[in-house]
Amino acid sequence: MDHQWNITDDNEYTKHLKKLTENLPKPKNIVVISAHWLTNGTYVTIDKTPEQVYDFYGFPQKLYEIQYKPSGSPEIAEKIIEIGKEKDIHGSLKWGIDHAAWSVLYHIYPDADIQLLK
């Protein structure tokens, strides 16, 4: 049996994701909160051009060929850090946009024209 891959396949799930923009206003920024970044503490990506991270291994080559390169927003990241200063939130350039974010947003905003913070 062939596997279905939501990242690359055109299926009911991905069709639903693509339809979300019909009823949602287009945001300028999206902040993604994910447990896919193992740290001591809480961090936000402050990179203007965050790297796309392929944080999975041993999957079909077609998954590694997906390119999703949204810009970041150091300015919004700094606001998040300021708002969360009592919670010890820090900025970092060490992690990019992992598959928890790009595999979904790839279908919702395929042009990667939304600033993304993680």
PDB file of N, CA and C in Angstrom:
ATOM      1  N   MET A   1       0.836  -1.184   0.000  1.00  0.00           N
ATOM      2  CA  MET A   1       0.000   0.000   0.000  1.00  0.00           C
ATOM      3  C   MET A   1       0.884   1.253   0.000  1.00  0.00           C
ATOM      4  N   ASP A   2       0.599   2.174  -0.898  1.00  0.00           N
ATOM      5  CA  ASP A   2       1.340   3.432  -0.949  1.00  0.00           C
ATOM      6  C   ASP A   2       0.927   4.336   0.194  1.00  0.00           C
ATOM      7  N   HIS A   3       1.903   5.048   0.733  1.00  0.00           N
ATOM      8  CA  HIS A   3       1.610   6.020   1.787  1.00  0.00           C
ATOM      9  C   HIS A   3       1.059   7.291   1.159  1.00  0.00           C
ATOM     10  N   GLN A   4       0.222   7.957   1.903  1.00  0.00           N
ATOM     11  CA  GLN A   4      -0.221   9.285   1.511  1.00  0.00           C
ATOM     12  C   GLN A   4       0.604  10.282   2.320  1.00  0.00           C
ATOM     13  N   TRP A   5       1.025  11.331   1.666  1.00  0.00           N
ATOM     14  CA  TRP A   5       1.836  12.344   2.317  1.00  0.00           C
ATOM     15  C   TRP A   5       1.096  13.678   2.218  1.00  0.00           C
ATOM     16  N   ASN A   6       0.624  14.164   3.342  1.00  0.00           N
ATOM     17  CA  ASN A   6      -0.113  15.424   3.328  1.00  0.00           C
ATOM     18  C   ASN A   6       0.732  16.587   2.825  1.00  0.00           C
ATOM     19  N   ILE A   7       2.029  16.497   2.970  1.00  0.00           N
ATOM     20  CA  ILE A   7       2.891  17.587   2.514  1.00  0.00           C
ATOM     21  C   ILE A   7       2.840  17.697   0.991  1.00  0.00           C
ATOM     22  N   THR A   8       2.812  16.572   0.284  1.00  0.00           N
ATOM     23  CA  THR A   8       2.921  16.598  -1.176  1.00  0.00           C
ATOM     24  C   THR A   8       1.656  16.195  -1.915  1.00  0.00           C
ATOM     25  N   ASP A   9       0.756  15.489  -1.274  1.00  0.00           N
ATOM     26  CA  ASP A   9      -0.405  14.949  -1.985  1.00  0.00           C
ATOM     27  C   ASP A   9      -1.558  15.942  -2.059  1.00  0.00           C
ATOM     28  N   ASP A  10      -2.346  15.788  -3.102  1.00  0.00           N
ATOM     29  CA  ASP A  10      -3.589  16.529  -3.243  1.00  0.00           C
ATOM     30  C   ASP A  10      -4.692  15.595  -2.739  1.00  0.00           C
ATOM     31  N   ASN A  11      -5.102  15.796  -1.493  1.00  0.00           N
ATOM     32  CA  ASN A  11      -6.113  14.926  -0.890  1.00  0.00           C
ATOM     33  C   ASN A  11      -7.143  15.784  -0.154  1.00  0.00           C
ATOM     34  N   GLU A  12      -8.070  15.179   0.524  1.00  0.00           N
ATOM     35  CA  GLU A  12      -9.122  15.935   1.212  1.00  0.00           C
ATOM     36  C   GLU A  12      -8.547  16.912   2.235  1.00  0.00           C
ATOM     37  N   TYR A  13      -7.523  16.479   2.950  1.00  0.00           N
ATOM     38  CA  TYR A  13      -6.900  17.329   3.963  1.00  0.00           C
ATOM     39  C   TYR A  13      -6.280  18.573   3.319  1.00  0.00           C
ATOM     40  N   THR A  14      -5.480  18.372   2.292  1.00  0.00           N
ATOM     41  CA  THR A  14      -4.808  19.512   1.671  1.00  0.00           C
ATOM     42  C   THR A  14      -5.794  20.415   0.925  1.00  0.00           C
ATOM     43  N   LYS A  15      -6.843  19.828   0.369  1.00  0.00           N
ATOM     44  CA  LYS A  15      -7.881  20.647  -0.272  1.00  0.00           C
ATOM     45  C   LYS A  15      -8.564  21.542   0.761  1.00  0.00           C
ATOM     46  N   HIS A  16      -8.793  21.014   1.941  1.00  0.00           N
ATOM     47  CA  HIS A  16      -9.399  21.799   3.020  1.00  0.00           C
ATOM     48  C   HIS A  16      -8.460  22.947   3.425  1.00  0.00           C
ATOM     49  N   LEU A  17      -7.178  22.662   3.556  1.00  0.00           N
ATOM     50  CA  LEU A  17      -6.225  23.715   3.903  1.00  0.00           C
ATOM     51  C   LEU A  17      -6.238  24.830   2.864  1.00  0.00           C
ATOM     52  N   LYS A  18      -6.257  24.460   1.601  1.00  0.00           N
ATOM     53  CA  LYS A  18      -6.248  25.455   0.525  1.00  0.00           C
ATOM     54  C   LYS A  18      -7.494  26.338   0.551  1.00  0.00           C
ATOM     55  N   LYS A  19      -8.606  25.808   1.009  1.00  0.00           N
ATOM     56  CA  LYS A  19      -9.860  26.577   1.061  1.00  0.00           C
ATOM     57  C   LYS A  19      -9.923  27.541   2.242  1.00  0.00           C
ATOM     58  N   LEU A  20      -9.048  27.397   3.216  1.00  0.00           N
ATOM     59  CA  LEU A  20      -9.094  28.270   4.394  1.00  0.00           C
ATOM     60  C   LEU A  20      -8.999  29.740   4.035  1.00  0.00           C
ATOM     61  N   THR A  21      -8.230  30.062   3.016  1.00  0.00           N
ATOM     62  CA  THR A  21      -8.045  31.472   2.673  1.00  0.00           C
ATOM     63  C   THR A  21      -9.296  32.103   2.064  1.00  0.00           C
ATOM     64  N   GLU A  22     -10.261  31.284   1.694  1.00  0.00           N
ATOM     65  CA  GLU A  22     -11.510  31.829   1.164  1.00  0.00           C
ATOM     66  C   GLU A  22     -12.294  32.576   2.233  1.00  0.00           C
ATOM     67  N   ASN A  23     -12.130  32.198   3.491  1.00  0.00           N
ATOM     68  CA  ASN A  23     -12.903  32.787   4.588  1.00  0.00           C
ATOM     69  C   ASN A  23     -12.055  33.514   5.621  1.00  0.00           C
ATOM     70  N   LEU A  24     -10.767  33.491   5.457  1.00  0.00           N
ATOM     71  CA  LEU A  24      -9.881  34.158   6.410  1.00  0.00           C
ATOM     72  C   LEU A  24      -9.204  35.358   5.758  1.00  0.00           C
ATOM     73  N   PRO A  25      -9.137  36.487   6.459  1.00  0.00           N
ATOM     74  CA  PRO A  25      -8.368  37.603   5.902  1.00  0.00           C
ATOM     75  C   PRO A  25      -6.882  37.221   5.881  1.00  0.00           C
ATOM     76  N   LYS A  26      -6.166  37.717   4.903  1.00  0.00           N
ATOM     77  CA  LYS A  26      -4.743  37.402   4.783  1.00  0.00           C
ATOM     78  C   LYS A  26      -3.950  38.152   5.851  1.00  0.00           C
ATOM     79  N   PRO A  27      -3.237  37.419   6.695  1.00  0.00           N
ATOM     80  CA  PRO A  27      -2.447  38.087   7.739  1.00  0.00           C
ATOM     81  C   PRO A  27      -1.137  38.621   7.179  1.00  0.00           C
ATOM     82  N   LYS A  28      -0.553  39.552   7.891  1.00  0.00           N
ATOM     83  CA  LYS A  28       0.780  40.050   7.535  1.00  0.00           C
ATOM     84  C   LYS A  28       1.847  39.137   8.141  1.00  0.00           C
ATOM     85  N   ASN A  29       1.562  38.631   9.341  1.00  0.00           N
ATOM     86  CA  ASN A  29       2.497  37.764  10.064  1.00  0.00           C
ATOM     87  C   ASN A  29       1.748  36.571  10.615  1.00  0.00           C
ATOM     88  N   ILE A  30       2.470  35.487  10.793  1.00  0.00           N
ATOM     89  CA  ILE A  30       1.954  34.314  11.495  1.00  0.00           C
ATOM     90  C   ILE A  30       3.005  33.910  12.509  1.00  0.00           C
ATOM     91  N   VAL A  31       2.585  33.709  13.736  1.00  0.00           N
ATOM     92  CA  VAL A  31       3.470  33.213  14.784  1.00  0.00           C
ATOM     93  C   VAL A  31       3.110  31.755  15.020  1.00  0.00           C
ATOM     94  N   VAL A  32       4.094  30.884  14.876  1.00  0.00           N
ATOM     95  CA  VAL A  32       3.894  29.449  15.065  1.00  0.00           C
ATOM     96  C   VAL A  32       4.531  29.050  16.388  1.00  0.00           C
ATOM     97  N   ILE A  33       3.765  28.383  17.222  1.00  0.00           N
ATOM     98  CA  ILE A  33       4.296  27.858  18.482  1.00  0.00           C
ATOM     99  C   ILE A  33       4.398  26.354  18.313  1.00  0.00           C
ATOM    100  N   SER A  34       5.596  25.827  18.519  1.00  0.00           N
ATOM    101  CA  SER A  34       5.832  24.419  18.219  1.00  0.00           C
ATOM    102  C   SER A  34       6.752  23.785  19.251  1.00  0.00           C
ATOM    103  N   ALA A  35       6.519  22.523  19.500  1.00  0.00           N
ATOM    104  CA  ALA A  35       7.399  21.761  20.385  1.00  0.00           C
ATOM    105  C   ALA A  35       8.521  21.084  19.598  1.00  0.00           C
ATOM    106  N   HIS A  36       8.666  21.418  18.334  1.00  0.00           N
ATOM    107  CA  HIS A  36       9.687  20.799  17.492  1.00  0.00           C
ATOM    108  C   HIS A  36      11.055  21.437  17.647  1.00  0.00           C
ATOM    109  N   TRP A  37      11.219  22.313  18.590  1.00  0.00           N
ATOM    110  CA  TRP A  37      12.477  23.010  18.803  1.00  0.00           C
ATOM    111  C   TRP A  37      12.865  22.774  20.259  1.00  0.00           C
ATOM    112  N   LEU A  38      13.767  21.847  20.493  1.00  0.00           N
ATOM    113  CA  LEU A  38      14.157  21.455  21.844  1.00  0.00           C
ATOM    114  C   LEU A  38      15.163  22.451  22.402  1.00  0.00           C
ATOM    115  N   THR A  39      14.748  23.168  23.438  1.00  0.00           N
ATOM    116  CA  THR A  39      15.599  24.184  24.057  1.00  0.00           C
ATOM    117  C   THR A  39      15.408  24.160  25.569  1.00  0.00           C
ATOM    118  N   ASN A  40      16.297  24.841  26.250  1.00  0.00           N
ATOM    119  CA  ASN A  40      16.089  25.192  27.655  1.00  0.00           C
ATOM    120  C   ASN A  40      15.588  26.616  27.639  1.00  0.00           C
ATOM    121  N   GLY A  41      14.307  26.800  27.812  1.00  0.00           N
ATOM    122  CA  GLY A  41      13.726  28.125  27.758  1.00  0.00           C
ATOM    123  C   GLY A  41      12.839  28.284  26.545  1.00  0.00           C
ATOM    124  N   THR A  42      12.366  29.503  26.365  1.00  0.00           N
ATOM    125  CA  THR A  42      11.474  29.817  25.266  1.00  0.00           C
ATOM    126  C   THR A  42      12.180  30.782  24.323  1.00  0.00           C
ATOM    127  N   TYR A  43      12.135  30.452  23.035  1.00  0.00           N
ATOM    128  CA  TYR A  43      12.837  31.242  22.027  1.00  0.00           C
ATOM    129  C   TYR A  43      11.910  31.566  20.873  1.00  0.00           C
ATOM    130  N   VAL A  44      12.221  32.669  20.199  1.00  0.00           N
ATOM    131  CA  VAL A  44      11.529  33.058  18.978  1.00  0.00           C
ATOM    132  C   VAL A  44      12.602  33.318  17.929  1.00  0.00           C
ATOM    133  N   THR A  45      12.325  32.885  16.713  1.00  0.00           N
ATOM    134  CA  THR A  45      13.268  33.089  15.618  1.00  0.00           C
ATOM    135  C   THR A  45      13.298  34.567  15.244  1.00  0.00           C
ATOM    136  N   ILE A  46      14.486  35.155  15.254  1.00  0.00           N
ATOM    137  CA  ILE A  46      14.633  36.578  14.927  1.00  0.00           C
ATOM    138  C   ILE A  46      15.271  36.783  13.551  1.00  0.00           C
ATOM    139  N   ASP A  47      15.366  35.733  12.787  1.00  0.00           N
ATOM    140  CA  ASP A  47      16.001  35.772  11.474  1.00  0.00           C
ATOM    141  C   ASP A  47      15.070  36.404  10.440  1.00  0.00           C
ATOM    142  N   LYS A  48      15.593  37.294   9.625  1.00  0.00           N
ATOM    143  CA  LYS A  48      14.808  37.914   8.554  1.00  0.00           C
ATOM    144  C   LYS A  48      14.541  36.914   7.428  1.00  0.00           C
ATOM    145  N   THR A  49      15.425  35.944   7.272  1.00  0.00           N
ATOM    146  CA  THR A  49      15.249  34.891   6.253  1.00  0.00           C
ATOM    147  C   THR A  49      15.473  33.529   6.924  1.00  0.00           C
ATOM    148  N   PRO A  50      14.491  33.069   7.705  1.00  0.00           N
ATOM    149  CA  PRO A  50      14.678  31.816   8.440  1.00  0.00           C
ATOM    150  C   PRO A  50      14.846  30.618   7.493  1.00  0.00           C
ATOM    151  N   GLU A  51      15.721  29.733   7.894  1.00  0.00           N
ATOM    152  CA  GLU A  51      15.997  28.524   7.123  1.00  0.00           C
ATOM    153  C   GLU A  51      14.804  27.579   7.177  1.00  0.00           C
ATOM    154  N   GLN A  52      14.551  26.890   6.079  1.00  0.00           N
ATOM    155  CA  GLN A  52      13.553  25.821   6.083  1.00  0.00           C
ATOM    156  C   GLN A  52      14.245  24.576   6.626  1.00  0.00           C
ATOM    157  N   VAL A  53      13.681  24.011   7.680  1.00  0.00           N
ATOM    158  CA  VAL A  53      14.296  22.863   8.355  1.00  0.00           C
ATOM    159  C   VAL A  53      13.546  21.592   7.971  1.00  0.00           C
ATOM    160  N   TYR A  54      14.309  20.610   7.529  1.00  0.00           N
ATOM    161  CA  TYR A  54      13.761  19.284   7.227  1.00  0.00           C
ATOM    162  C   TYR A  54      14.093  18.407   8.431  1.00  0.00           C
ATOM    163  N   ASP A  55      13.283  18.499   9.464  1.00  0.00           N
ATOM    164  CA  ASP A  55      13.562  17.818  10.735  1.00  0.00           C
ATOM    165  C   ASP A  55      12.902  16.444  10.768  1.00  0.00           C
ATOM    166  N   PHE A  56      13.146  15.689   9.713  1.00  0.00           N
ATOM    167  CA  PHE A  56      12.682  14.303   9.623  1.00  0.00           C
ATOM    168  C   PHE A  56      13.693  13.558   8.766  1.00  0.00           C
ATOM    169  N   TYR A  57      13.724  12.258   8.893  1.00  0.00           N
ATOM    170  CA  TYR A  57      14.758  11.472   8.227  1.00  0.00           C
ATOM    171  C   TYR A  57      14.173  10.190   7.642  1.00  0.00           C
ATOM    172  N   GLY A  58      14.728   9.765   6.508  1.00  0.00           N
ATOM    173  CA  GLY A  58      14.373   8.490   5.925  1.00  0.00           C
ATOM    174  C   GLY A  58      13.061   8.468   5.161  1.00  0.00           C
ATOM    175  N   PHE A  59      12.559   9.617   4.780  1.00  0.00           N
ATOM    176  CA  PHE A  59      11.307   9.691   4.045  1.00  0.00           C
ATOM    177  C   PHE A  59      11.585   9.814   2.548  1.00  0.00           C
ATOM    178  N   PRO A  60      10.568   9.675   1.700  1.00  0.00           N
ATOM    179  CA  PRO A  60      10.775   9.787   0.251  1.00  0.00           C
ATOM    180  C   PRO A  60      11.387  11.133  -0.146  1.00  0.00           C
ATOM    181  N   GLN A  61      12.205  11.113  -1.164  1.00  0.00           N
ATOM    182  CA  GLN A  61      12.910  12.301  -1.645  1.00  0.00           C
ATOM    183  C   GLN A  61      11.959  13.461  -1.947  1.00  0.00           C
ATOM    184  N   LYS A  62      10.748  13.167  -2.413  1.00  0.00           N
ATOM    185  CA  LYS A  62       9.818  14.244  -2.778  1.00  0.00           C
ATOM    186  C   LYS A  62       9.523  15.177  -1.602  1.00  0.00           C
ATOM    187  N   LEU A  63       9.626  14.683  -0.374  1.00  0.00           N
ATOM    188  CA  LEU A  63       9.377  15.537   0.798  1.00  0.00           C
ATOM    189  C   LEU A  63      10.513  16.539   1.001  1.00  0.00           C
ATOM    190  N   TYR A  64      11.738  16.131   0.650  1.00  0.00           N
ATOM    191  CA  TYR A  64      12.900  17.003   0.818  1.00  0.00           C
ATOM    192  C   TYR A  64      13.030  18.021  -0.312  1.00  0.00           C
ATOM    193  N   GLU A  65      12.247  17.843  -1.353  1.00  0.00           N
ATOM    194  CA  GLU A  65      12.307  18.751  -2.496  1.00  0.00           C
ATOM    195  C   GLU A  65      11.340  19.922  -2.366  1.00  0.00           C
ATOM    196  N   ILE A  66      10.445  19.873  -1.395  1.00  0.00           N
ATOM    197  CA  ILE A  66       9.513  20.982  -1.158  1.00  0.00           C
ATOM    198  C   ILE A  66      10.310  22.199  -0.693  1.00  0.00           C
ATOM    199  N   GLN A  67      10.080  23.317  -1.342  1.00  0.00           N
ATOM    200  CA  GLN A  67      10.725  24.568  -0.969  1.00  0.00           C
ATOM    201  C   GLN A  67       9.663  25.525  -0.436  1.00  0.00           C
ATOM    202  N   TYR A  68       9.860  26.007   0.779  1.00  0.00           N
ATOM    203  CA  TYR A  68       8.954  26.995   1.362  1.00  0.00           C
ATOM    204  C   TYR A  68       9.813  27.994   2.109  1.00  0.00           C
ATOM    205  N   LYS A  69       9.908  29.205   1.589  1.00  0.00           N
ATOM    206  CA  LYS A  69      10.847  30.195   2.107  1.00  0.00           C
ATOM    207  C   LYS A  69      10.168  31.518   2.456  1.00  0.00           C
ATOM    208  N   PRO A  70       9.345  31.536   3.504  1.00  0.00           N
ATOM    209  CA  PRO A  70       8.760  32.819   3.911  1.00  0.00           C
ATOM    210  C   PRO A  70       9.817  33.694   4.581  1.00  0.00           C
ATOM    211  N   SER A  71       9.592  34.983   4.570  1.00  0.00           N
ATOM    212  CA  SER A  71      10.493  35.865   5.302  1.00  0.00           C
ATOM    213  C   SER A  71      10.109  35.838   6.779  1.00  0.00           C
ATOM    214  N   GLY A  72      11.038  36.264   7.606  1.00  0.00           N
ATOM    215  CA  GLY A  72      10.774  36.413   9.028  1.00  0.00           C
ATOM    216  C   GLY A  72      10.528  37.881   9.338  1.00  0.00           C
ATOM    217  N   SER A  73      10.340  38.183  10.603  1.00  0.00           N
ATOM    218  CA  SER A  73      10.154  39.572  11.008  1.00  0.00           C
ATOM    219  C   SER A  73      10.862  39.804  12.336  1.00  0.00           C
ATOM    220  N   PRO A  74      12.123  40.223  12.273  1.00  0.00           N
ATOM    221  CA  PRO A  74      12.839  40.526  13.517  1.00  0.00           C
ATOM    222  C   PRO A  74      12.117  41.571  14.363  1.00  0.00           C
ATOM    223  N   GLU A  75      11.408  42.489  13.704  1.00  0.00           N
ATOM    224  CA  GLU A  75      10.694  43.549  14.439  1.00  0.00           C
ATOM    225  C   GLU A  75       9.562  42.951  15.284  1.00  0.00           C
ATOM    226  N   ILE A  76       8.782  42.067  14.709  1.00  0.00           N
ATOM    227  CA  ILE A  76       7.699  41.421  15.461  1.00  0.00           C
ATOM    228  C   ILE A  76       8.297  40.500  16.525  1.00  0.00           C
ATOM    229  N   ALA A  77       9.382  39.809  16.180  1.00  0.00           N
ATOM    230  CA  ALA A  77      10.041  38.938  17.157  1.00  0.00           C
ATOM    231  C   ALA A  77      10.484  39.743  18.380  1.00  0.00           C
ATOM    232  N   GLU A  78      11.041  40.920  18.146  1.00  0.00           N
ATOM    233  CA  GLU A  78      11.465  41.763  19.264  1.00  0.00           C
ATOM    234  C   GLU A  78      10.278  42.199  20.119  1.00  0.00           C
ATOM    235  N   LYS A  79       9.131  42.451  19.493  1.00  0.00           N
ATOM    236  CA  LYS A  79       7.932  42.794  20.264  1.00  0.00           C
ATOM    237  C   LYS A  79       7.489  41.616  21.128  1.00  0.00           C
ATOM    238  N   ILE A  80       7.564  40.405  20.575  1.00  0.00           N
ATOM    239  CA  ILE A  80       7.211  39.201  21.340  1.00  0.00           C
ATOM    240  C   ILE A  80       8.156  39.042  22.527  1.00  0.00           C
ATOM    241  N   ILE A  81       9.432  39.263  22.285  1.00  0.00           N
ATOM    242  CA  ILE A  81      10.431  39.155  23.359  1.00  0.00           C
ATOM    243  C   ILE A  81      10.151  40.194  24.438  1.00  0.00           C
ATOM    244  N   GLU A  82       9.834  41.414  24.041  1.00  0.00           N
ATOM    245  CA  GLU A  82       9.542  42.480  25.006  1.00  0.00           C
ATOM    246  C   GLU A  82       8.287  42.153  25.810  1.00  0.00           C
ATOM    247  N   ILE A  83       7.235  41.727  25.134  1.00  0.00           N
ATOM    248  CA  ILE A  83       5.992  41.379  25.831  1.00  0.00           C
ATOM    249  C   ILE A  83       6.228  40.220  26.796  1.00  0.00           C
ATOM    250  N   GLY A  84       7.066  39.276  26.401  1.00  0.00           N
ATOM    251  CA  GLY A  84       7.299  38.087  27.226  1.00  0.00           C
ATOM    252  C   GLY A  84       8.527  38.150  28.105  1.00  0.00           C
ATOM    253  N   LYS A  85       9.076  39.348  28.316  1.00  0.00           N
ATOM    254  CA  LYS A  85      10.330  39.442  29.075  1.00  0.00           C
ATOM    255  C   LYS A  85      10.220  38.864  30.481  1.00  0.00           C
ATOM    256  N   GLU A  86       9.058  38.944  31.093  1.00  0.00           N
ATOM    257  CA  GLU A  86       8.890  38.353  32.423  1.00  0.00           C
ATOM    258  C   GLU A  86       8.868  36.835  32.370  1.00  0.00           C
ATOM    259  N   LYS A  87       8.630  36.286  31.195  1.00  0.00           N
ATOM    260  CA  LYS A  87       8.612  34.830  31.012  1.00  0.00           C
ATOM    261  C   LYS A  87       9.931  34.329  30.434  1.00  0.00           C
ATOM    262  N   ASP A  88      10.923  35.214  30.330  1.00  0.00           N
ATOM    263  CA  ASP A  88      12.262  34.835  29.892  1.00  0.00           C
ATOM    264  C   ASP A  88      12.280  34.303  28.455  1.00  0.00           C
ATOM    265  N   ILE A  89      11.655  35.043  27.547  1.00  0.00           N
ATOM    266  CA  ILE A  89      11.663  34.701  26.129  1.00  0.00           C
ATOM    267  C   ILE A  89      12.876  35.363  25.479  1.00  0.00           C
ATOM    268  N   HIS A  90      13.569  34.613  24.632  1.00  0.00           N
ATOM    269  CA  HIS A  90      14.789  35.085  23.984  1.00  0.00           C
ATOM    270  C   HIS A  90      14.671  34.988  22.471  1.00  0.00           C
ATOM    271  N   GLY A  91      15.502  35.747  21.774  1.00  0.00           N
ATOM    272  CA  GLY A  91      15.589  35.650  20.326  1.00  0.00           C
ATOM    273  C   GLY A  91      16.709  34.694  19.945  1.00  0.00           C
ATOM    274  N   SER A  92      16.576  34.075  18.775  1.00  0.00           N
ATOM    275  CA  SER A  92      17.594  33.135  18.321  1.00  0.00           C
ATOM    276  C   SER A  92      17.669  33.100  16.799  1.00  0.00           C
ATOM    277  N   LEU A  93      18.862  32.834  16.309  1.00  0.00           N
ATOM    278  CA  LEU A  93      19.095  32.596  14.885  1.00  0.00           C
ATOM    279  C   LEU A  93      19.416  31.124  14.631  1.00  0.00           C
ATOM    280  N   LYS A  94      19.285  30.282  15.649  1.00  0.00           N
ATOM    281  CA  LYS A  94      19.735  28.889  15.556  1.00  0.00           C
ATOM    282  C   LYS A  94      18.715  27.916  14.976  1.00  0.00           C
ATOM    283  N   TRP A  95      17.483  28.316  14.794  1.00  0.00           N
ATOM    284  CA  TRP A  95      16.475  27.386  14.298  1.00  0.00           C
ATOM    285  C   TRP A  95      15.634  28.103  13.266  1.00  0.00           C
ATOM    286  N   GLY A  96      15.159  27.366  12.306  1.00  0.00           N
ATOM    287  CA  GLY A  96      14.350  27.969  11.262  1.00  0.00           C
ATOM    288  C   GLY A  96      12.907  27.517  11.337  1.00  0.00           C
ATOM    289  N   ILE A  97      12.313  27.349  10.170  1.00  0.00           N
ATOM    290  CA  ILE A  97      10.917  26.973  10.049  1.00  0.00           C
ATOM    291  C   ILE A  97      10.862  25.471   9.797  1.00  0.00           C
ATOM    292  N   ASP A  98      10.450  24.709  10.803  1.00  0.00           N
ATOM    293  CA  ASP A  98      10.437  23.250  10.661  1.00  0.00           C
ATOM    294  C   ASP A  98       9.134  22.763  10.035  1.00  0.00           C
ATOM    295  N   HIS A  99       9.070  21.477   9.801  1.00  0.00           N
ATOM    296  CA  HIS A  99       7.935  20.926   9.059  1.00  0.00           C
ATOM    297  C   HIS A  99       6.596  21.088   9.775  1.00  0.00           C
ATOM    298  N   ALA A 100       6.604  21.294  11.087  1.00  0.00           N
ATOM    299  CA  ALA A 100       5.348  21.531  11.801  1.00  0.00           C
ATOM    300  C   ALA A 100       4.678  22.798  11.276  1.00  0.00           C
ATOM    301  N   ALA A 101       5.472  23.739  10.796  1.00  0.00           N
ATOM    302  CA  ALA A 101       4.932  24.984  10.246  1.00  0.00           C
ATOM    303  C   ALA A 101       4.813  24.933   8.723  1.00  0.00           C
ATOM    304  N   TRP A 102       5.910  24.655   8.044  1.00  0.00           N
ATOM    305  CA  TRP A 102       5.877  24.792   6.585  1.00  0.00           C
ATOM    306  C   TRP A 102       5.036  23.737   5.885  1.00  0.00           C
ATOM    307  N   SER A 103       4.888  22.555   6.448  1.00  0.00           N
ATOM    308  CA  SER A 103       4.104  21.516   5.764  1.00  0.00           C
ATOM    309  C   SER A 103       2.624  21.874   5.688  1.00  0.00           C
ATOM    310  N   VAL A 104       2.153  22.687   6.615  1.00  0.00           N
ATOM    311  CA  VAL A 104       0.760  23.138   6.614  1.00  0.00           C
ATOM    312  C   VAL A 104       0.630  24.446   5.828  1.00  0.00           C
ATOM    313  N   LEU A 105       1.493  25.404   6.120  1.00  0.00           N
ATOM    314  CA  LEU A 105       1.402  26.708   5.464  1.00  0.00           C
ATOM    315  C   LEU A 105       1.689  26.632   3.973  1.00  0.00           C
ATOM    316  N   TYR A 106       2.429  25.644   3.555  1.00  0.00           N
ATOM    317  CA  TYR A 106       2.716  25.399   2.138  1.00  0.00           C
ATOM    318  C   TYR A 106       1.420  25.284   1.332  1.00  0.00           C
ATOM    319  N   HIS A 107       0.390  24.741   1.947  1.00  0.00           N
ATOM    320  CA  HIS A 107      -0.897  24.588   1.270  1.00  0.00           C
ATOM    321  C   HIS A 107      -1.805  25.809   1.449  1.00  0.00           C
ATOM    322  N   ILE A 108      -1.707  26.476   2.595  1.00  0.00           N
ATOM    323  CA  ILE A 108      -2.581  27.623   2.865  1.00  0.00           C
ATOM    324  C   ILE A 108      -2.087  28.871   2.137  1.00  0.00           C
ATOM    325  N   TYR A 109      -0.799  29.135   2.229  1.00  0.00           N
ATOM    326  CA  TYR A 109      -0.189  30.299   1.581  1.00  0.00           C
ATOM    327  C   TYR A 109       0.982  29.818   0.728  1.00  0.00           C
ATOM    328  N   PRO A 110       0.711  29.202  -0.418  1.00  0.00           N
ATOM    329  CA  PRO A 110       1.768  28.588  -1.232  1.00  0.00           C
ATOM    330  C   PRO A 110       2.823  29.567  -1.751  1.00  0.00           C
ATOM    331  N   ASP A 111       2.499  30.843  -1.808  1.00  0.00           N
ATOM    332  CA  ASP A 111       3.477  31.823  -2.287  1.00  0.00           C
ATOM    333  C   ASP A 111       4.482  32.227  -1.209  1.00  0.00           C
ATOM    334  N   ALA A 112       4.311  31.721   0.005  1.00  0.00           N
ATOM    335  CA  ALA A 112       5.202  32.039   1.138  1.00  0.00           C
ATOM    336  C   ALA A 112       5.341  33.550   1.311  1.00  0.00           C
ATOM    337  N   ASP A 113       4.247  34.266   1.149  1.00  0.00           N
ATOM    338  CA  ASP A 113       4.276  35.723   1.202  1.00  0.00           C
ATOM    339  C   ASP A 113       3.751  36.288   2.522  1.00  0.00           C
ATOM    340  N   ILE A 114       3.780  35.475   3.551  1.00  0.00           N
ATOM    341  CA  ILE A 114       3.400  35.893   4.906  1.00  0.00           C
ATOM    342  C   ILE A 114       4.655  35.800   5.770  1.00  0.00           C
ATOM    343  N   GLN A 115       4.971  36.850   6.535  1.00  0.00           N
ATOM    344  CA  GLN A 115       6.110  36.765   7.439  1.00  0.00           C
ATOM    345  C   GLN A 115       5.806  35.734   8.509  1.00  0.00           C
ATOM    346  N   LEU A 116       6.780  34.862   8.752  1.00  0.00           N
ATOM    347  CA  LEU A 116       6.562  33.746   9.670  1.00  0.00           C
ATOM    348  C   LEU A 116       7.567  33.811  10.811  1.00  0.00           C
ATOM    349  N   LEU A 117       7.048  33.677  12.019  1.00  0.00           N
ATOM    350  CA  LEU A 117       7.887  33.641  13.216  1.00  0.00           C
ATOM    351  C   LEU A 117       7.639  32.336  13.919  1.00  0.00           C
ATOM    352  N   LYS A 118       8.660  31.759  14.480  1.00  0.00           N
ATOM    353  CA  LYS A 118       8.542  30.491  15.183  1.00  0.00           C
ATOM    354  C   LYS A 118       9.255  30.597  16.492  1.00  0.00           C
TER     355      LYS A 118
END
